N, C-alpha and C. Protein backbone atom coordinates (compact mmCIF):
# COMPACT_ATOMS: atom_id res chain seq x y z
N MET A 1 40.82 -73.64 24.97
CA MET A 1 42.27 -73.64 24.85
C MET A 1 42.78 -74.82 24.02
N ARG A 2 41.89 -75.75 23.65
CA ARG A 2 42.36 -76.91 22.89
C ARG A 2 42.87 -76.52 21.52
N GLY A 3 42.41 -75.41 20.96
CA GLY A 3 42.79 -75.02 19.62
C GLY A 3 44.11 -74.28 19.53
N TRP A 4 44.75 -73.97 20.68
CA TRP A 4 45.97 -73.16 20.61
C TRP A 4 47.10 -73.83 19.87
N PRO A 5 47.31 -75.18 19.95
CA PRO A 5 48.41 -75.76 19.16
C PRO A 5 48.19 -75.56 17.65
N LEU A 6 46.94 -75.66 17.22
CA LEU A 6 46.63 -75.46 15.80
C LEU A 6 46.92 -74.02 15.40
N ALA A 7 46.51 -73.08 16.22
CA ALA A 7 46.75 -71.66 15.92
C ALA A 7 48.25 -71.37 15.89
N ALA A 8 48.99 -71.94 16.83
CA ALA A 8 50.44 -71.72 16.87
C ALA A 8 51.10 -72.32 15.63
N ALA A 9 50.66 -73.51 15.22
CA ALA A 9 51.23 -74.15 14.03
C ALA A 9 50.93 -73.32 12.78
N ALA A 10 49.72 -72.80 12.68
CA ALA A 10 49.36 -71.98 11.53
C ALA A 10 50.19 -70.71 11.49
N LEU A 11 50.40 -70.09 12.65
CA LEU A 11 51.21 -68.88 12.71
C LEU A 11 52.65 -69.17 12.29
N CYS A 12 53.18 -70.29 12.76
CA CYS A 12 54.55 -70.67 12.37
C CYS A 12 54.64 -70.90 10.86
N ALA A 13 53.64 -71.58 10.30
CA ALA A 13 53.65 -71.85 8.86
C ALA A 13 53.60 -70.55 8.07
N LEU A 14 52.79 -69.61 8.52
CA LEU A 14 52.71 -68.32 7.84
C LEU A 14 54.03 -67.58 7.94
N THR A 15 54.61 -67.60 9.12
CA THR A 15 55.87 -66.90 9.34
C THR A 15 56.97 -67.47 8.46
N LEU A 16 56.98 -68.77 8.30
CA LEU A 16 58.02 -69.42 7.51
C LEU A 16 57.70 -69.43 6.01
N GLY A 17 56.51 -68.92 5.66
CA GLY A 17 56.14 -68.86 4.25
C GLY A 17 55.70 -70.19 3.68
N LEU A 18 55.22 -71.08 4.55
CA LEU A 18 54.82 -72.41 4.09
C LEU A 18 53.32 -72.55 3.96
N ALA A 19 52.57 -71.48 4.17
CA ALA A 19 51.11 -71.60 4.21
C ALA A 19 50.53 -72.14 2.91
N GLY A 20 51.17 -71.91 1.79
CA GLY A 20 50.63 -72.40 0.52
C GLY A 20 51.09 -73.79 0.16
N SER A 21 51.95 -74.38 0.96
CA SER A 21 52.46 -75.71 0.62
C SER A 21 51.43 -76.78 0.94
N PRO A 22 51.48 -77.93 0.27
CA PRO A 22 50.52 -78.99 0.53
C PRO A 22 50.53 -79.44 1.98
N ALA A 23 51.69 -79.42 2.63
CA ALA A 23 51.76 -79.86 4.03
C ALA A 23 50.95 -78.95 4.93
N ALA A 24 50.84 -77.69 4.57
CA ALA A 24 50.09 -76.75 5.41
C ALA A 24 48.60 -76.85 5.19
N LEU A 25 48.18 -77.55 4.14
CA LEU A 25 46.76 -77.66 3.86
C LEU A 25 46.20 -78.99 4.36
N ALA A 26 46.42 -79.32 5.60
CA ALA A 26 45.89 -80.54 6.17
C ALA A 26 44.37 -80.46 6.18
N ASP A 27 43.72 -81.56 6.49
CA ASP A 27 42.26 -81.57 6.51
C ASP A 27 41.75 -80.75 7.68
N ASP A 28 41.97 -79.48 7.63
CA ASP A 28 41.60 -78.56 8.68
C ASP A 28 40.59 -77.57 8.13
N PRO A 29 39.38 -77.51 8.72
CA PRO A 29 38.36 -76.63 8.18
C PRO A 29 38.70 -75.16 8.30
N THR A 30 39.71 -74.79 9.07
CA THR A 30 40.06 -73.38 9.20
C THR A 30 40.99 -72.93 8.10
N VAL A 31 41.54 -73.85 7.33
CA VAL A 31 42.45 -73.49 6.25
C VAL A 31 41.65 -73.35 4.96
N THR A 32 41.72 -72.19 4.33
CA THR A 32 41.00 -71.99 3.08
C THR A 32 41.91 -72.26 1.90
N GLU A 33 41.36 -72.90 0.87
CA GLU A 33 42.14 -73.15 -0.33
C GLU A 33 42.26 -71.86 -1.12
N ALA A 34 43.28 -71.78 -1.93
CA ALA A 34 43.48 -70.59 -2.76
C ALA A 34 42.27 -70.38 -3.65
N GLY A 35 41.81 -69.14 -3.68
CA GLY A 35 40.69 -68.79 -4.55
C GLY A 35 39.32 -69.12 -3.99
N ALA A 36 39.25 -69.73 -2.83
CA ALA A 36 37.94 -70.04 -2.26
C ALA A 36 37.80 -69.33 -0.93
N SER A 37 36.64 -68.78 -0.70
CA SER A 37 36.41 -68.13 0.59
C SER A 37 35.55 -69.04 1.43
N ALA A 38 35.65 -68.90 2.75
CA ALA A 38 34.90 -69.75 3.64
C ALA A 38 33.40 -69.59 3.44
N SER A 39 32.96 -68.40 3.00
CA SER A 39 31.53 -68.20 2.80
C SER A 39 31.05 -68.83 1.50
N ALA A 40 31.94 -69.07 0.54
CA ALA A 40 31.53 -69.60 -0.75
C ALA A 40 31.53 -71.11 -0.78
N SER A 41 32.37 -71.75 0.02
CA SER A 41 32.41 -73.20 -0.02
C SER A 41 32.59 -73.77 1.37
N VAL A 42 32.17 -75.02 1.50
CA VAL A 42 32.30 -75.74 2.76
C VAL A 42 33.70 -76.32 2.81
N MET A 43 34.41 -76.08 3.88
CA MET A 43 35.79 -76.55 3.97
C MET A 43 35.88 -77.98 4.50
N ALA A 44 34.94 -78.41 5.34
CA ALA A 44 35.00 -79.77 5.88
C ALA A 44 33.59 -80.29 6.12
N VAL A 45 33.42 -81.58 5.86
CA VAL A 45 32.16 -82.26 6.10
C VAL A 45 32.46 -83.36 7.11
N ARG A 46 31.65 -83.42 8.16
CA ARG A 46 31.96 -84.34 9.26
C ARG A 46 30.69 -84.96 9.84
N LYS A 47 30.88 -85.88 10.77
CA LYS A 47 29.77 -86.55 11.44
C LYS A 47 28.81 -85.51 12.00
N GLY A 48 27.52 -85.74 11.74
CA GLY A 48 26.48 -84.82 12.19
C GLY A 48 25.97 -83.93 11.07
N ASP A 49 26.76 -83.78 9.98
CA ASP A 49 26.32 -82.97 8.85
C ASP A 49 25.39 -83.80 7.98
N ARG A 50 24.61 -83.09 7.16
CA ARG A 50 23.73 -83.80 6.23
C ARG A 50 23.46 -82.91 5.04
N GLY A 51 23.00 -83.53 3.96
CA GLY A 51 22.66 -82.78 2.76
C GLY A 51 23.28 -83.39 1.51
N PRO A 52 23.13 -82.69 0.38
CA PRO A 52 23.65 -83.20 -0.89
C PRO A 52 25.15 -83.47 -0.88
N ALA A 53 25.93 -82.66 -0.16
CA ALA A 53 27.38 -82.89 -0.09
C ALA A 53 27.67 -84.25 0.52
N VAL A 54 26.93 -84.60 1.57
CA VAL A 54 27.13 -85.90 2.22
C VAL A 54 26.73 -87.02 1.27
N ARG A 55 25.63 -86.82 0.53
CA ARG A 55 25.21 -87.84 -0.43
C ARG A 55 26.28 -88.09 -1.48
N ARG A 56 26.93 -87.02 -1.96
CA ARG A 56 27.99 -87.19 -2.96
C ARG A 56 29.15 -88.00 -2.39
N ILE A 57 29.52 -87.70 -1.16
CA ILE A 57 30.59 -88.46 -0.49
C ILE A 57 30.18 -89.92 -0.38
N GLN A 58 28.96 -90.17 0.07
CA GLN A 58 28.49 -91.54 0.25
C GLN A 58 28.48 -92.31 -1.07
N ARG A 59 28.03 -91.66 -2.13
CA ARG A 59 28.04 -92.34 -3.44
C ARG A 59 29.46 -92.69 -3.86
N ARG A 60 30.38 -91.76 -3.66
CA ARG A 60 31.77 -92.00 -4.05
C ARG A 60 32.36 -93.15 -3.24
N LEU A 61 31.92 -93.31 -1.99
CA LEU A 61 32.41 -94.39 -1.14
C LEU A 61 31.57 -95.67 -1.29
N ARG A 62 30.60 -95.63 -2.22
CA ARG A 62 29.72 -96.77 -2.51
C ARG A 62 28.91 -97.20 -1.29
N LEU A 63 28.37 -96.18 -0.61
CA LEU A 63 27.50 -96.42 0.53
C LEU A 63 26.07 -96.09 0.11
N SER A 64 25.12 -96.51 0.94
CA SER A 64 23.74 -96.09 0.74
C SER A 64 23.70 -94.58 0.95
N ALA A 65 23.24 -93.84 -0.04
CA ALA A 65 23.30 -92.37 -0.01
C ALA A 65 22.05 -91.77 0.62
N ASP A 66 22.03 -91.72 1.96
CA ASP A 66 20.89 -91.13 2.65
C ASP A 66 21.12 -89.66 3.01
N GLY A 67 22.33 -89.15 2.77
CA GLY A 67 22.61 -87.74 3.03
C GLY A 67 22.90 -87.40 4.47
N VAL A 68 23.04 -88.41 5.33
CA VAL A 68 23.33 -88.17 6.74
C VAL A 68 24.72 -88.72 7.06
N PHE A 69 25.60 -87.86 7.54
CA PHE A 69 26.97 -88.27 7.88
C PHE A 69 26.95 -88.86 9.29
N GLY A 70 26.72 -90.17 9.35
CA GLY A 70 26.67 -90.88 10.62
C GLY A 70 27.91 -91.73 10.82
N LYS A 71 27.79 -92.68 11.75
CA LYS A 71 28.97 -93.49 12.10
C LYS A 71 29.44 -94.36 10.94
N ASP A 72 28.51 -94.88 10.11
CA ASP A 72 28.92 -95.72 8.98
C ASP A 72 29.69 -94.91 7.94
N THR A 73 29.22 -93.69 7.68
CA THR A 73 29.93 -92.82 6.73
C THR A 73 31.29 -92.45 7.29
N ARG A 74 31.35 -92.11 8.57
CA ARG A 74 32.63 -91.76 9.19
C ARG A 74 33.61 -92.94 9.10
N ARG A 75 33.10 -94.13 9.37
CA ARG A 75 33.95 -95.33 9.31
C ARG A 75 34.49 -95.53 7.88
N ALA A 76 33.62 -95.34 6.87
CA ALA A 76 34.04 -95.50 5.47
C ALA A 76 35.05 -94.43 5.08
N VAL A 77 34.85 -93.20 5.56
CA VAL A 77 35.81 -92.13 5.27
C VAL A 77 37.16 -92.46 5.88
N ARG A 78 37.17 -92.93 7.13
CA ARG A 78 38.43 -93.29 7.79
C ARG A 78 39.14 -94.42 7.03
N ARG A 79 38.37 -95.40 6.58
CA ARG A 79 38.95 -96.52 5.82
C ARG A 79 39.58 -95.98 4.53
N PHE A 80 38.86 -95.11 3.82
CA PHE A 80 39.39 -94.50 2.60
C PHE A 80 40.66 -93.71 2.90
N GLN A 81 40.64 -92.92 3.96
CA GLN A 81 41.81 -92.12 4.32
C GLN A 81 43.02 -93.00 4.62
N ARG A 82 42.81 -94.11 5.31
CA ARG A 82 43.92 -95.03 5.61
C ARG A 82 44.51 -95.59 4.32
N ARG A 83 43.63 -96.01 3.40
CA ARG A 83 44.10 -96.58 2.13
C ARG A 83 44.86 -95.56 1.30
N GLN A 84 44.49 -94.29 1.41
CA GLN A 84 45.13 -93.22 0.63
C GLN A 84 46.31 -92.60 1.38
N ASP A 85 46.61 -93.12 2.56
CA ASP A 85 47.70 -92.60 3.40
C ASP A 85 47.48 -91.11 3.74
N LEU A 86 46.23 -90.79 4.10
CA LEU A 86 45.87 -89.44 4.52
C LEU A 86 45.68 -89.42 6.03
N THR A 87 45.56 -88.24 6.60
CA THR A 87 45.23 -88.13 8.02
C THR A 87 43.91 -88.85 8.24
N THR A 88 43.90 -89.82 9.16
CA THR A 88 42.72 -90.64 9.39
C THR A 88 41.89 -90.05 10.51
N ASP A 89 41.05 -89.06 10.15
CA ASP A 89 40.24 -88.39 11.17
C ASP A 89 38.74 -88.53 10.91
N GLY A 90 38.35 -89.14 9.78
CA GLY A 90 36.94 -89.30 9.47
C GLY A 90 36.25 -88.03 9.03
N VAL A 91 37.02 -86.99 8.74
CA VAL A 91 36.50 -85.70 8.29
C VAL A 91 36.88 -85.51 6.82
N VAL A 92 35.93 -85.10 5.99
CA VAL A 92 36.22 -84.84 4.58
C VAL A 92 36.55 -83.36 4.44
N GLY A 93 37.85 -83.06 4.58
CA GLY A 93 38.36 -81.72 4.37
C GLY A 93 38.85 -81.60 2.94
N PRO A 94 39.55 -80.51 2.61
CA PRO A 94 39.98 -80.28 1.23
C PRO A 94 40.82 -81.41 0.63
N ILE A 95 41.72 -81.97 1.40
CA ILE A 95 42.62 -83.01 0.86
C ILE A 95 41.85 -84.31 0.61
N THR A 96 41.04 -84.73 1.58
CA THR A 96 40.25 -85.95 1.40
C THR A 96 39.25 -85.76 0.26
N ARG A 97 38.62 -84.58 0.19
CA ARG A 97 37.66 -84.31 -0.89
C ARG A 97 38.32 -84.46 -2.25
N ARG A 98 39.52 -83.88 -2.39
CA ARG A 98 40.24 -83.99 -3.67
C ARG A 98 40.61 -85.44 -3.96
N ALA A 99 41.03 -86.18 -2.93
CA ALA A 99 41.40 -87.59 -3.12
C ALA A 99 40.18 -88.41 -3.56
N LEU A 100 38.99 -88.00 -3.12
CA LEU A 100 37.76 -88.67 -3.54
C LEU A 100 37.36 -88.26 -4.96
N GLY A 101 38.03 -87.25 -5.50
CA GLY A 101 37.72 -86.77 -6.84
C GLY A 101 36.46 -85.91 -6.89
N LEU A 102 36.15 -85.24 -5.78
CA LEU A 102 34.95 -84.41 -5.72
C LEU A 102 35.30 -82.93 -5.81
N PRO A 103 34.46 -82.13 -6.47
CA PRO A 103 34.68 -80.68 -6.52
C PRO A 103 34.34 -80.06 -5.16
N PRO A 104 34.73 -78.81 -4.93
CA PRO A 104 34.38 -78.16 -3.66
C PRO A 104 32.86 -78.16 -3.46
N PHE A 105 32.45 -78.29 -2.21
CA PHE A 105 31.04 -78.29 -1.88
C PHE A 105 30.58 -76.86 -1.65
N SER A 106 29.40 -76.52 -2.19
CA SER A 106 28.87 -75.18 -1.94
C SER A 106 28.29 -75.13 -0.54
N GLN A 107 28.21 -73.93 0.00
CA GLN A 107 27.69 -73.73 1.35
C GLN A 107 26.30 -74.34 1.50
N GLY A 108 25.47 -74.22 0.49
CA GLY A 108 24.11 -74.73 0.59
C GLY A 108 23.98 -76.23 0.40
N SER A 109 25.06 -76.93 0.11
CA SER A 109 24.97 -78.37 -0.09
C SER A 109 25.11 -79.13 1.21
N LEU A 110 25.05 -78.40 2.31
CA LEU A 110 25.28 -79.02 3.60
C LEU A 110 24.43 -78.34 4.65
N VAL A 111 23.81 -79.13 5.51
CA VAL A 111 23.12 -78.61 6.68
C VAL A 111 23.82 -79.22 7.87
N SER A 112 24.42 -78.38 8.68
CA SER A 112 25.11 -78.88 9.87
C SER A 112 24.12 -78.92 11.01
N THR A 113 23.94 -80.08 11.62
CA THR A 113 22.98 -80.19 12.71
C THR A 113 23.50 -79.55 13.97
N GLY A 114 24.80 -79.35 14.06
CA GLY A 114 25.35 -78.75 15.26
C GLY A 114 25.58 -77.27 15.14
N GLY A 115 25.49 -76.71 13.95
CA GLY A 115 25.81 -75.30 13.75
C GLY A 115 24.73 -74.38 14.25
N ALA A 116 25.14 -73.21 14.71
CA ALA A 116 24.19 -72.22 15.18
C ALA A 116 23.52 -71.57 13.99
N GLY A 117 22.23 -71.38 14.08
CA GLY A 117 21.51 -70.66 13.04
C GLY A 117 21.23 -71.46 11.78
N GLY A 118 21.58 -72.74 11.76
CA GLY A 118 21.32 -73.55 10.58
C GLY A 118 19.84 -73.86 10.45
N LEU A 119 19.30 -73.79 9.26
CA LEU A 119 17.91 -74.11 9.02
C LEU A 119 17.82 -75.60 8.73
N ALA A 120 17.06 -76.31 9.54
CA ALA A 120 16.90 -77.75 9.33
C ALA A 120 15.89 -77.99 8.22
N VAL A 121 16.35 -78.51 7.12
CA VAL A 121 15.50 -78.79 5.96
C VAL A 121 15.18 -80.28 5.98
N PRO A 122 13.89 -80.64 5.92
CA PRO A 122 13.55 -82.07 5.92
C PRO A 122 14.23 -82.80 4.76
N GLY A 123 14.53 -84.06 4.98
CA GLY A 123 15.20 -84.87 3.97
C GLY A 123 14.46 -84.89 2.64
N ILE A 124 13.12 -84.89 2.69
CA ILE A 124 12.35 -84.91 1.44
C ILE A 124 12.64 -83.66 0.61
N LEU A 125 12.79 -82.50 1.27
CA LEU A 125 13.10 -81.27 0.52
C LEU A 125 14.51 -81.32 -0.04
N GLU A 126 15.44 -81.90 0.70
CA GLU A 126 16.80 -82.04 0.19
C GLU A 126 16.81 -82.91 -1.07
N ARG A 127 16.03 -83.99 -1.03
CA ARG A 127 15.97 -84.88 -2.20
C ARG A 127 15.27 -84.19 -3.38
N ILE A 128 14.23 -83.41 -3.08
CA ILE A 128 13.54 -82.67 -4.14
C ILE A 128 14.50 -81.67 -4.78
N ALA A 129 15.24 -80.93 -3.95
CA ALA A 129 16.20 -79.95 -4.48
C ALA A 129 17.26 -80.63 -5.34
N GLU A 130 17.73 -81.78 -4.89
CA GLU A 130 18.73 -82.52 -5.66
C GLU A 130 18.15 -82.94 -7.01
N CYS A 131 16.90 -83.37 -7.01
CA CYS A 131 16.24 -83.80 -8.25
C CYS A 131 15.93 -82.60 -9.16
N GLU A 132 15.41 -81.53 -8.59
CA GLU A 132 15.00 -80.36 -9.38
C GLU A 132 16.18 -79.63 -10.02
N SER A 133 17.25 -79.44 -9.24
CA SER A 133 18.33 -78.55 -9.71
C SER A 133 19.73 -79.08 -9.43
N GLY A 134 19.82 -80.31 -8.93
CA GLY A 134 21.13 -80.81 -8.51
C GLY A 134 21.60 -80.09 -7.25
N GLY A 135 20.67 -79.45 -6.54
CA GLY A 135 21.01 -78.70 -5.33
C GLY A 135 21.61 -77.34 -5.62
N ASN A 136 21.52 -76.89 -6.86
CA ASN A 136 22.14 -75.63 -7.27
C ASN A 136 21.16 -74.46 -7.07
N PRO A 137 21.47 -73.54 -6.14
CA PRO A 137 20.57 -72.42 -5.89
C PRO A 137 20.49 -71.42 -7.04
N ARG A 138 21.39 -71.49 -8.00
CA ARG A 138 21.41 -70.56 -9.14
C ARG A 138 20.82 -71.18 -10.41
N ALA A 139 20.28 -72.37 -10.30
CA ALA A 139 19.75 -73.08 -11.48
C ALA A 139 18.54 -72.36 -12.07
N VAL A 140 18.46 -72.38 -13.39
CA VAL A 140 17.33 -71.82 -14.12
C VAL A 140 16.93 -72.85 -15.17
N SER A 141 15.63 -73.14 -15.25
CA SER A 141 15.16 -74.13 -16.23
C SER A 141 15.40 -73.61 -17.65
N PRO A 142 15.47 -74.50 -18.64
CA PRO A 142 15.71 -74.07 -20.02
C PRO A 142 14.72 -73.00 -20.50
N SER A 143 13.47 -73.08 -20.05
CA SER A 143 12.48 -72.09 -20.47
C SER A 143 12.61 -70.78 -19.69
N GLY A 144 13.34 -70.83 -18.57
CA GLY A 144 13.47 -69.65 -17.71
C GLY A 144 12.32 -69.48 -16.74
N GLN A 145 11.33 -70.36 -16.82
CA GLN A 145 10.14 -70.23 -15.98
C GLN A 145 10.40 -70.65 -14.54
N TYR A 146 11.24 -71.65 -14.31
CA TYR A 146 11.49 -72.17 -12.97
C TYR A 146 12.91 -71.85 -12.57
N ARG A 147 13.05 -71.39 -11.30
CA ARG A 147 14.33 -70.80 -10.92
C ARG A 147 14.74 -71.19 -9.50
N GLY A 148 16.03 -71.36 -9.33
CA GLY A 148 16.58 -71.61 -8.00
C GLY A 148 16.67 -73.08 -7.66
N LYS A 149 17.09 -73.32 -6.45
CA LYS A 149 17.35 -74.67 -5.94
C LYS A 149 16.11 -75.57 -6.02
N TYR A 150 14.93 -74.99 -5.76
CA TYR A 150 13.69 -75.77 -5.76
C TYR A 150 12.85 -75.51 -7.00
N GLN A 151 13.42 -74.78 -7.98
CA GLN A 151 12.75 -74.47 -9.23
C GLN A 151 11.37 -73.83 -9.00
N PHE A 152 11.38 -72.74 -8.24
CA PHE A 152 10.17 -71.96 -7.99
C PHE A 152 9.75 -71.22 -9.26
N SER A 153 8.45 -71.07 -9.47
CA SER A 153 7.98 -70.09 -10.45
C SER A 153 8.02 -68.75 -9.72
N ARG A 154 8.10 -67.67 -10.46
CA ARG A 154 8.15 -66.35 -9.81
C ARG A 154 6.88 -66.08 -9.00
N GLY A 155 5.74 -66.56 -9.49
CA GLY A 155 4.48 -66.36 -8.77
C GLY A 155 4.47 -67.07 -7.43
N THR A 156 4.88 -68.34 -7.43
CA THR A 156 4.93 -69.10 -6.18
C THR A 156 5.92 -68.46 -5.23
N TRP A 157 7.06 -68.05 -5.75
CA TRP A 157 8.09 -67.39 -4.94
C TRP A 157 7.50 -66.18 -4.21
N LYS A 158 6.80 -65.34 -4.96
CA LYS A 158 6.21 -64.13 -4.39
C LYS A 158 5.10 -64.48 -3.40
N ASP A 159 4.23 -65.42 -3.77
CA ASP A 159 3.09 -65.80 -2.92
C ASP A 159 3.52 -66.33 -1.56
N TYR A 160 4.68 -66.96 -1.48
CA TYR A 160 5.12 -67.55 -0.22
C TYR A 160 6.17 -66.71 0.50
N GLY A 161 6.29 -65.45 0.08
CA GLY A 161 7.14 -64.51 0.83
C GLY A 161 8.56 -64.39 0.35
N GLY A 162 8.85 -64.85 -0.86
CA GLY A 162 10.21 -64.73 -1.38
C GLY A 162 10.61 -63.27 -1.57
N ARG A 163 11.82 -62.94 -1.16
CA ARG A 163 12.34 -61.57 -1.33
C ARG A 163 12.96 -61.45 -2.71
N GLY A 164 12.74 -60.30 -3.34
CA GLY A 164 13.27 -60.08 -4.68
C GLY A 164 12.39 -60.77 -5.71
N SER A 165 12.65 -60.48 -6.97
CA SER A 165 11.79 -61.03 -8.02
C SER A 165 12.33 -62.35 -8.60
N ASP A 166 13.60 -62.66 -8.34
CA ASP A 166 14.19 -63.86 -8.94
C ASP A 166 14.70 -64.81 -7.86
N PRO A 167 14.04 -65.96 -7.71
CA PRO A 167 14.49 -66.93 -6.70
C PRO A 167 15.96 -67.34 -6.87
N ALA A 168 16.43 -67.41 -8.11
CA ALA A 168 17.81 -67.84 -8.37
C ALA A 168 18.84 -66.83 -7.90
N GLU A 169 18.41 -65.61 -7.58
CA GLU A 169 19.33 -64.60 -7.07
C GLU A 169 19.28 -64.49 -5.55
N ALA A 170 18.33 -65.18 -4.93
CA ALA A 170 18.20 -65.14 -3.47
C ALA A 170 19.23 -66.06 -2.83
N SER A 171 19.52 -65.82 -1.57
CA SER A 171 20.46 -66.69 -0.86
C SER A 171 19.86 -68.09 -0.76
N GLU A 172 20.73 -69.06 -0.67
CA GLU A 172 20.25 -70.44 -0.56
C GLU A 172 19.44 -70.63 0.71
N ARG A 173 19.87 -69.99 1.78
CA ARG A 173 19.14 -70.09 3.05
C ARG A 173 17.71 -69.56 2.89
N HIS A 174 17.57 -68.43 2.18
CA HIS A 174 16.22 -67.88 1.97
C HIS A 174 15.39 -68.82 1.09
N GLN A 175 16.01 -69.41 0.09
CA GLN A 175 15.30 -70.38 -0.75
C GLN A 175 14.83 -71.58 0.09
N ASP A 176 15.70 -72.05 0.99
CA ASP A 176 15.32 -73.15 1.87
C ASP A 176 14.12 -72.75 2.73
N ARG A 177 14.15 -71.54 3.25
CA ARG A 177 13.07 -71.05 4.12
C ARG A 177 11.74 -71.01 3.35
N ILE A 178 11.77 -70.50 2.12
CA ILE A 178 10.54 -70.42 1.32
C ILE A 178 10.07 -71.82 0.93
N ALA A 179 10.99 -72.70 0.58
CA ALA A 179 10.61 -74.08 0.24
C ALA A 179 9.96 -74.77 1.43
N LEU A 180 10.50 -74.54 2.62
CA LEU A 180 9.94 -75.14 3.83
C LEU A 180 8.53 -74.60 4.08
N ARG A 181 8.35 -73.31 3.88
CA ARG A 181 7.02 -72.68 4.03
C ARG A 181 6.04 -73.29 3.02
N LEU A 182 6.48 -73.44 1.78
CA LEU A 182 5.65 -74.03 0.73
C LEU A 182 5.32 -75.49 1.05
N TYR A 183 6.31 -76.23 1.49
CA TYR A 183 6.13 -77.64 1.84
C TYR A 183 5.13 -77.80 2.99
N ARG A 184 5.23 -76.94 4.00
CA ARG A 184 4.30 -77.01 5.13
C ARG A 184 2.87 -76.69 4.71
N ALA A 185 2.73 -75.81 3.72
CA ALA A 185 1.40 -75.43 3.25
C ALA A 185 0.80 -76.43 2.26
N ARG A 186 1.64 -77.00 1.38
CA ARG A 186 1.11 -77.81 0.27
C ARG A 186 1.73 -79.19 0.13
N GLY A 187 2.61 -79.56 1.05
CA GLY A 187 3.25 -80.86 0.94
C GLY A 187 4.17 -80.90 -0.27
N THR A 188 4.21 -82.04 -0.94
CA THR A 188 5.09 -82.19 -2.10
C THR A 188 4.40 -81.88 -3.42
N ASP A 189 3.13 -81.44 -3.37
CA ASP A 189 2.38 -81.15 -4.60
C ASP A 189 3.08 -80.19 -5.56
N PRO A 190 3.79 -79.15 -5.09
CA PRO A 190 4.45 -78.24 -6.03
C PRO A 190 5.58 -78.89 -6.84
N TRP A 191 6.02 -80.08 -6.44
CA TRP A 191 7.13 -80.76 -7.13
C TRP A 191 6.67 -82.17 -7.52
N PRO A 192 5.69 -82.32 -8.39
CA PRO A 192 5.11 -83.64 -8.64
C PRO A 192 6.10 -84.68 -9.17
N ALA A 193 6.93 -84.32 -10.13
CA ALA A 193 7.85 -85.31 -10.71
C ALA A 193 8.91 -85.72 -9.70
N CYS A 194 9.50 -84.76 -9.03
CA CYS A 194 10.60 -85.09 -8.12
C CYS A 194 10.12 -85.69 -6.81
N SER A 195 8.92 -85.35 -6.36
CA SER A 195 8.45 -85.94 -5.10
C SER A 195 8.15 -87.42 -5.28
N ARG A 196 7.79 -87.84 -6.50
CA ARG A 196 7.55 -89.27 -6.75
C ARG A 196 8.86 -90.04 -6.70
N ARG A 197 9.95 -89.41 -7.11
CA ARG A 197 11.26 -90.07 -7.12
C ARG A 197 11.90 -90.08 -5.74
N SER A 198 11.49 -89.17 -4.86
CA SER A 198 12.16 -89.00 -3.56
C SER A 198 11.73 -89.99 -2.53
């Protein structure tokens, strides 16, 4: 029942035709920005989340970028929000993200430790993905030989159970699953350049 005031406020805003106004777009993960769907982008990043999205936030706040949204990151976000005269909640929602000068985060740029059904990807794989493709599940190497977030070859993709013929067309979650399977079988050997940097 704690969410009923928020639901009532949203209903009032819709009724009054204010839903598109900046005041109605508070740092609330339930509010979607125009043109973005909840499945296409992450609406809020908060304590307990981890991944490339958190690293980008940490870099922007000049913190050590470990990709884990812990108490230090939350404290830095709150400090930034206070300085920018934003709602000081320690959550990077649409307004705080824009104030930080960051583009919307893709769904795959975040692993929520509290979310149901989330695949926990080891930090080393997150760093490899960031190095290989910038964390982009649709990335394709200039030669076209390596594809997806982890830059799989089509042969490796197929050998480790990848669905479909093109890793870059698979869901990010499925790419994470195959990368985890590959990592458990071969360690970081499939990513020699990026594993040395990670």
